[in-house]
């Protein structure tokens, strides 16, 4: 019993220590949001600021060129929310067609869809930019939101694996009640996909919120910049970089992601576990 107790204590101490090491950079960033530039640049690893500088938040919120961080947050929310809705609806529809319907070329289309997951994003970056440029959609939110309404291979596969756990007898019961394929999806299948849909929404929101390369390529006007682009503007090689304000806004930018994970963590784990088991 004593040996088992020592093993349990050692295990918990090891996990806590490893967890602290993983979380320490985030804690240091939050601490840096209340430090002076001198203290941050000095490389001090302490988490407690020597001088508490709350002005970093007000200075950072003023933004740049007359555009406050409220505008940057709004732009990020617009892109993240609409792209999340688009990818969730479109991926669920496409997954339903692959999982529940039989049509000519289904296997070939499914193979092609999965193969797109192996293509690096840099390969399609230039062709995609040229398409949107010729359509006159550069410096708008369309290139960052529009593609999400055509599904994503990763999310389609994830939802399909979850859909396998739904008995096909429910489809047959719906047909006996006079439902067509669309009614079956809307009234029976879609409500049962809640864990998978929440998982898709959370992951897509994370990706859209943290996306830096997309806004950097397509957005030119400061009033359309997202939070990720605005944070980059703090780093000025030609003058003094205000690290305190940058860390303050970085801390605020973590709040939406943290809140989503806090409230939907249970559904996220459930959706991934169920999809993984069926896969």
Protein backbone atom coordinates (compact mmCIF):
# COMPACT_ATOMS: atom_id res chain seq x y z
CA UNK A 1 0.00 0.00 0.00
CA UNK A 2 2.84 2.39 0.87
CA UNK A 3 4.58 1.60 -2.42
CA UNK A 4 1.38 2.25 -4.38
CA UNK A 5 0.84 5.56 -2.56
CA UNK A 6 4.38 6.69 -3.39
CA UNK A 7 3.82 5.74 -7.03
CA UNK A 8 0.59 7.73 -7.18
CA UNK A 9 2.24 10.76 -5.55
CA UNK A 10 5.21 10.60 -7.90
CA UNK A 11 2.87 10.30 -10.89
CA UNK A 12 0.83 13.36 -9.89
CA UNK A 13 3.94 15.42 -9.14
CA UNK A 14 5.38 14.50 -12.53
CA UNK A 15 2.15 15.39 -14.35
CA UNK A 16 1.81 18.72 -12.50
CA UNK A 17 5.43 19.62 -13.24
CA UNK A 18 5.07 18.72 -16.92
CA UNK A 19 1.79 20.65 -17.13
CA UNK A 20 3.40 23.71 -15.58
CA UNK A 21 6.21 23.59 -18.13
CA UNK A 22 3.66 23.43 -20.96
CA UNK A 23 1.53 26.29 -19.59
CA UNK A 24 4.44 28.47 -18.47
CA UNK A 25 4.84 30.39 -21.80
CA UNK A 26 1.17 31.42 -21.64
CA UNK A 27 1.50 32.45 -18.00
CA UNK A 28 4.62 34.45 -18.84
CA UNK A 29 2.78 36.22 -21.65
CA UNK A 30 -0.08 37.13 -19.30
CA UNK A 31 2.46 38.34 -16.76
CA UNK A 32 4.26 40.30 -19.49
CA UNK A 33 1.06 42.18 -20.26
CA UNK A 34 1.50 43.90 -16.89
CA UNK A 35 5.24 44.53 -17.12
CA UNK A 36 7.30 47.41 -18.48
CA UNK A 37 9.24 47.03 -21.72
CA UNK A 38 12.51 47.18 -19.80
CA UNK A 39 11.52 44.28 -17.57
CA UNK A 40 10.32 42.21 -20.53
CA UNK A 41 13.42 42.83 -22.64
CA UNK A 42 15.70 42.07 -19.69
CA UNK A 43 14.65 38.44 -20.00
CA UNK A 44 13.39 38.03 -16.44
CA UNK A 45 11.54 34.72 -16.11
CA UNK A 46 9.55 35.69 -13.03
CA UNK A 47 5.78 35.61 -13.31
CA UNK A 48 5.14 38.43 -10.82
CA UNK A 49 5.76 41.88 -12.36
CA UNK A 50 8.02 44.27 -10.51
CA UNK A 51 5.76 47.17 -11.51
CA UNK A 52 2.13 46.57 -12.47
CA UNK A 53 1.53 48.50 -15.71
CA UNK A 54 -2.21 48.39 -16.39
CA UNK A 55 -1.79 51.07 -19.05
CA UNK A 56 -0.57 48.37 -21.44
CA UNK A 57 -4.18 47.36 -22.05
CA UNK A 58 -5.39 50.88 -22.80
CA UNK A 59 -2.35 51.59 -24.97
CA UNK A 60 -2.80 48.39 -26.95
CA UNK A 61 -6.55 48.89 -27.36
CA UNK A 62 -5.96 52.21 -29.16
CA UNK A 63 -4.65 50.23 -32.12
CA UNK A 64 -3.04 51.79 -35.16
CA UNK A 65 -3.84 54.50 -37.72
CA UNK A 66 -7.05 55.46 -35.92
CA UNK A 67 -8.33 51.88 -35.90
CA UNK A 68 -8.88 50.42 -32.43
CA UNK A 69 -8.56 46.78 -31.46
CA UNK A 70 -12.33 46.67 -31.20
CA UNK A 71 -12.41 46.78 -35.01
CA UNK A 72 -9.80 44.05 -35.27
CA UNK A 73 -11.74 41.83 -32.86
CA UNK A 74 -14.95 42.45 -34.79
CA UNK A 75 -13.29 41.46 -38.07
CA UNK A 76 -11.90 38.29 -36.54
CA UNK A 77 -15.31 37.38 -35.11
CA UNK A 78 -17.01 37.91 -38.47
CA UNK A 79 -14.53 35.69 -40.30
CA UNK A 80 -14.41 33.02 -37.59
CA UNK A 81 -18.18 32.80 -37.03
CA UNK A 82 -19.24 32.73 -40.69
CA UNK A 83 -16.49 30.32 -41.73
CA UNK A 84 -17.44 28.07 -38.81
CA UNK A 85 -21.10 28.04 -39.81
CA UNK A 86 -20.17 27.41 -43.43
CA UNK A 87 -17.77 24.54 -42.77
CA UNK A 88 -20.15 22.89 -40.30
CA UNK A 89 -23.20 22.91 -42.58
CA UNK A 90 -21.42 22.05 -45.81
CA UNK A 91 -19.25 19.30 -44.32
CA UNK A 92 -22.25 17.64 -42.67
CA UNK A 93 -24.17 17.64 -45.95
CA UNK A 94 -21.27 16.18 -47.90
CA UNK A 95 -20.60 13.60 -45.19
CA UNK A 96 -24.26 12.56 -45.31
CA UNK A 97 -24.08 12.00 -49.07
CA UNK A 98 -20.97 9.83 -48.75
CA UNK A 99 -22.18 7.88 -45.73
CA UNK A 100 -25.83 7.31 -46.59
CA UNK A 101 -26.17 7.53 -50.38
CA UNK A 102 -24.98 5.23 -53.14
CA UNK A 103 -24.20 6.83 -56.51
CA UNK A 104 -21.88 6.30 -59.45
CA UNK A 105 -18.34 7.53 -58.83
CA UNK A 106 -18.83 7.72 -55.05
CA UNK A 107 -15.63 5.81 -54.24
CA UNK A 108 -13.58 7.85 -56.69
CA UNK A 109 -14.89 11.16 -55.35
CA UNK A 110 -14.28 10.05 -51.78
CA UNK A 111 -10.70 9.04 -52.64
CA UNK A 112 -10.05 12.37 -54.33
CA UNK A 113 -11.47 14.21 -51.33
CA UNK A 114 -9.19 12.35 -48.93
CA UNK A 115 -6.18 12.94 -51.17
CA UNK A 116 -6.68 16.70 -50.84
CA UNK A 117 -5.71 16.34 -47.16
CA UNK A 118 -2.20 15.41 -48.31
CA UNK A 119 -1.73 18.55 -50.43
CA UNK A 120 0.23 21.28 -48.61
CA UNK A 121 -1.58 24.59 -48.35
CA UNK A 122 1.32 26.36 -50.05
CA UNK A 123 0.61 24.46 -53.27
CA UNK A 124 -2.85 25.96 -53.77
CA UNK A 125 -2.07 29.36 -52.25
CA UNK A 126 -1.02 31.12 -55.46
CA UNK A 127 -3.71 29.62 -57.78
CA UNK A 128 -6.38 30.44 -55.21
CA UNK A 129 -5.13 34.00 -54.89
CA UNK A 130 -5.16 34.46 -58.68
CA UNK A 131 -8.76 33.25 -58.85
CA UNK A 132 -9.98 35.68 -56.20
CA UNK A 133 -7.89 38.48 -57.69
CA UNK A 134 -9.50 38.06 -61.12
CA UNK A 135 -12.91 37.99 -59.47
CA UNK A 136 -12.12 41.30 -57.76
CA UNK A 137 -12.56 39.84 -54.28
CA UNK A 138 -9.14 40.69 -52.85
CA UNK A 139 -9.27 43.01 -49.81
CA UNK A 140 -12.62 41.53 -48.79
CA UNK A 141 -13.67 38.80 -46.37
CA UNK A 142 -14.97 36.56 -49.17
CA UNK A 143 -11.69 34.64 -49.78
CA UNK A 144 -11.49 33.91 -46.05
CA UNK A 145 -15.13 32.84 -45.65
CA UNK A 146 -16.33 31.61 -49.06
CA UNK A 147 -14.26 28.39 -49.34
CA UNK A 148 -15.64 27.15 -46.02
CA UNK A 149 -19.10 26.77 -47.60
CA UNK A 150 -17.73 24.02 -49.86
CA UNK A 151 -16.70 21.70 -47.06
CA UNK A 152 -13.37 20.55 -45.66
CA UNK A 153 -11.91 17.08 -46.19
CA UNK A 154 -10.84 16.66 -42.56
CA UNK A 155 -14.25 17.63 -41.16
CA UNK A 156 -16.15 15.58 -43.75
CA UNK A 157 -14.19 12.49 -42.75
CA UNK A 158 -14.66 13.27 -39.04
CA UNK A 159 -18.44 13.64 -39.37
CA UNK A 160 -18.66 10.53 -41.56
CA UNK A 161 -16.98 8.42 -38.87
CA UNK A 162 -19.46 9.70 -36.30
CA UNK A 163 -22.38 9.10 -38.67
CA UNK A 164 -21.45 5.42 -38.91
CA UNK A 165 -22.58 5.03 -35.29
CA UNK A 166 -26.12 6.14 -36.19
CA UNK A 167 -28.28 3.07 -37.02
CA UNK A 168 -29.57 2.96 -40.57
CA UNK A 169 -32.88 1.67 -39.21
CA UNK A 170 -33.67 5.29 -38.35
CA UNK A 171 -33.43 6.17 -42.04
CA UNK A 172 -35.74 3.30 -42.93
CA UNK A 173 -38.23 4.42 -40.27
CA UNK A 174 -38.17 7.91 -41.73
CA UNK A 175 -38.84 6.57 -45.22
CA UNK A 176 -41.82 4.61 -43.87
CA UNK A 177 -43.14 7.89 -42.44
CA UNK A 178 -42.90 9.57 -45.84
CA UNK A 179 -39.57 11.40 -45.45
CA UNK A 180 -37.26 11.91 -48.39
CA UNK A 181 -33.44 11.99 -48.11
CA UNK A 182 -33.38 15.69 -47.26
CA UNK A 183 -36.02 15.34 -44.56
CA UNK A 184 -34.15 12.40 -43.06
CA UNK A 185 -31.00 14.48 -42.86
CA UNK A 186 -32.67 17.56 -41.37
CA UNK A 187 -35.05 15.82 -38.96
CA UNK A 188 -33.16 12.67 -37.96
CA UNK A 189 -29.45 12.67 -38.79
CA UNK A 190 -28.49 16.30 -38.22
CA UNK A 191 -29.78 16.52 -34.60
CA UNK A 192 -27.90 13.32 -33.73
CA UNK A 193 -24.62 14.76 -35.02
CA UNK A 194 -24.38 17.26 -32.18
CA UNK A 195 -21.04 16.06 -30.70
CA UNK A 196 -19.38 15.87 -34.12
CA UNK A 197 -20.79 19.24 -35.19
CA UNK A 198 -19.61 20.92 -31.99
CA UNK A 199 -16.16 19.39 -32.46
CA UNK A 200 -16.07 20.68 -36.03
CA UNK A 201 -17.21 24.13 -34.96
CA UNK A 202 -14.63 24.43 -32.18
CA UNK A 203 -11.68 23.30 -34.31
CA UNK A 204 -12.69 25.49 -37.25
CA UNK A 205 -13.19 28.48 -34.96
CA UNK A 206 -9.69 27.95 -33.56
CA UNK A 207 -8.19 27.74 -37.04
CA UNK A 208 -10.06 30.77 -38.36
CA UNK A 209 -9.33 32.88 -35.28
CA UNK A 210 -5.59 32.10 -35.36
CA UNK A 211 -5.26 32.30 -39.14
CA UNK A 212 -2.45 34.68 -40.06
CA UNK A 213 -1.40 33.78 -43.60
CA UNK A 214 -4.89 34.15 -45.13
CA UNK A 215 -5.57 37.71 -43.87
CA UNK A 216 -1.97 38.65 -44.69
CA UNK A 217 -2.47 37.67 -48.33
CA UNK A 218 -5.99 38.93 -48.99
CA UNK A 219 -6.45 41.98 -46.72
CA UNK A 220 -4.77 45.30 -47.49
CA UNK A 221 -6.87 47.88 -45.64
CA UNK A 222 -6.13 48.35 -41.90
CA UNK A 223 -9.87 48.56 -41.18
CA UNK A 224 -10.22 44.97 -42.41
CA UNK A 225 -7.28 43.55 -40.46
CA UNK A 226 -7.84 40.70 -38.03
CA UNK A 227 -6.38 40.35 -34.54
CA UNK A 228 -3.53 38.15 -35.77
CA UNK A 229 -2.45 40.81 -38.28
CA UNK A 230 -2.86 43.64 -35.79
CA UNK A 231 -0.62 41.90 -33.25
CA UNK A 232 2.10 41.71 -35.88
CA UNK A 233 1.98 45.50 -36.27
CA UNK A 234 3.33 45.92 -32.73
CA UNK A 235 6.69 44.51 -33.86
CA UNK A 236 8.30 47.49 -35.58
CA UNK A 237 11.95 47.05 -36.56
CA UNK A 238 12.33 50.75 -37.34
CA UNK A 239 11.36 51.92 -33.84
CA UNK A 240 10.80 50.65 -30.29
CA UNK A 241 8.44 47.69 -30.03
CA UNK A 242 5.81 48.02 -27.30
CA UNK A 243 5.96 44.48 -25.94
CA UNK A 244 3.71 45.24 -23.00
CA UNK A 245 0.84 46.39 -25.21
CA UNK A 246 1.43 43.48 -27.58
CA UNK A 247 1.24 40.95 -24.73
CA UNK A 248 -1.85 42.69 -23.37
CA UNK A 249 -3.71 42.35 -26.66
CA UNK A 250 -2.40 38.81 -27.09
CA UNK A 251 -3.89 37.96 -23.70
CA UNK A 252 -7.26 39.39 -24.73
CA UNK A 253 -7.12 37.49 -28.01
CA UNK A 254 -6.93 34.22 -26.07
CA UNK A 255 -10.19 34.85 -24.22
CA UNK A 256 -12.66 33.77 -26.99
CA UNK A 257 -10.72 30.55 -27.58
CA UNK A 258 -10.46 29.85 -23.86
CA UNK A 259 -14.16 30.49 -23.28
CA UNK A 260 -15.18 28.17 -26.13
CA UNK A 261 -12.95 25.39 -24.84
CA UNK A 262 -14.21 25.90 -21.28
CA UNK A 263 -17.89 25.54 -22.20
CA UNK A 264 -17.65 22.93 -24.98
CA UNK A 265 -14.77 20.77 -23.76
CA UNK A 266 -17.08 17.87 -22.93
CA UNK A 267 -18.60 17.79 -26.42
CA UNK A 268 -15.17 18.20 -28.03
CA UNK A 269 -13.77 15.12 -26.28
CA UNK A 270 -16.95 13.12 -26.94
CA UNK A 271 -16.93 13.94 -30.65
CA UNK A 272 -13.26 13.07 -31.13
CA UNK A 273 -13.47 9.85 -29.10
CA UNK A 274 -16.55 8.57 -30.91
CA UNK A 275 -15.15 9.40 -34.34
CA UNK A 276 -11.81 7.83 -33.48
CA UNK A 277 -13.38 4.60 -32.21
CA UNK A 278 -15.51 4.17 -35.32
CA UNK A 279 -12.52 5.01 -37.55
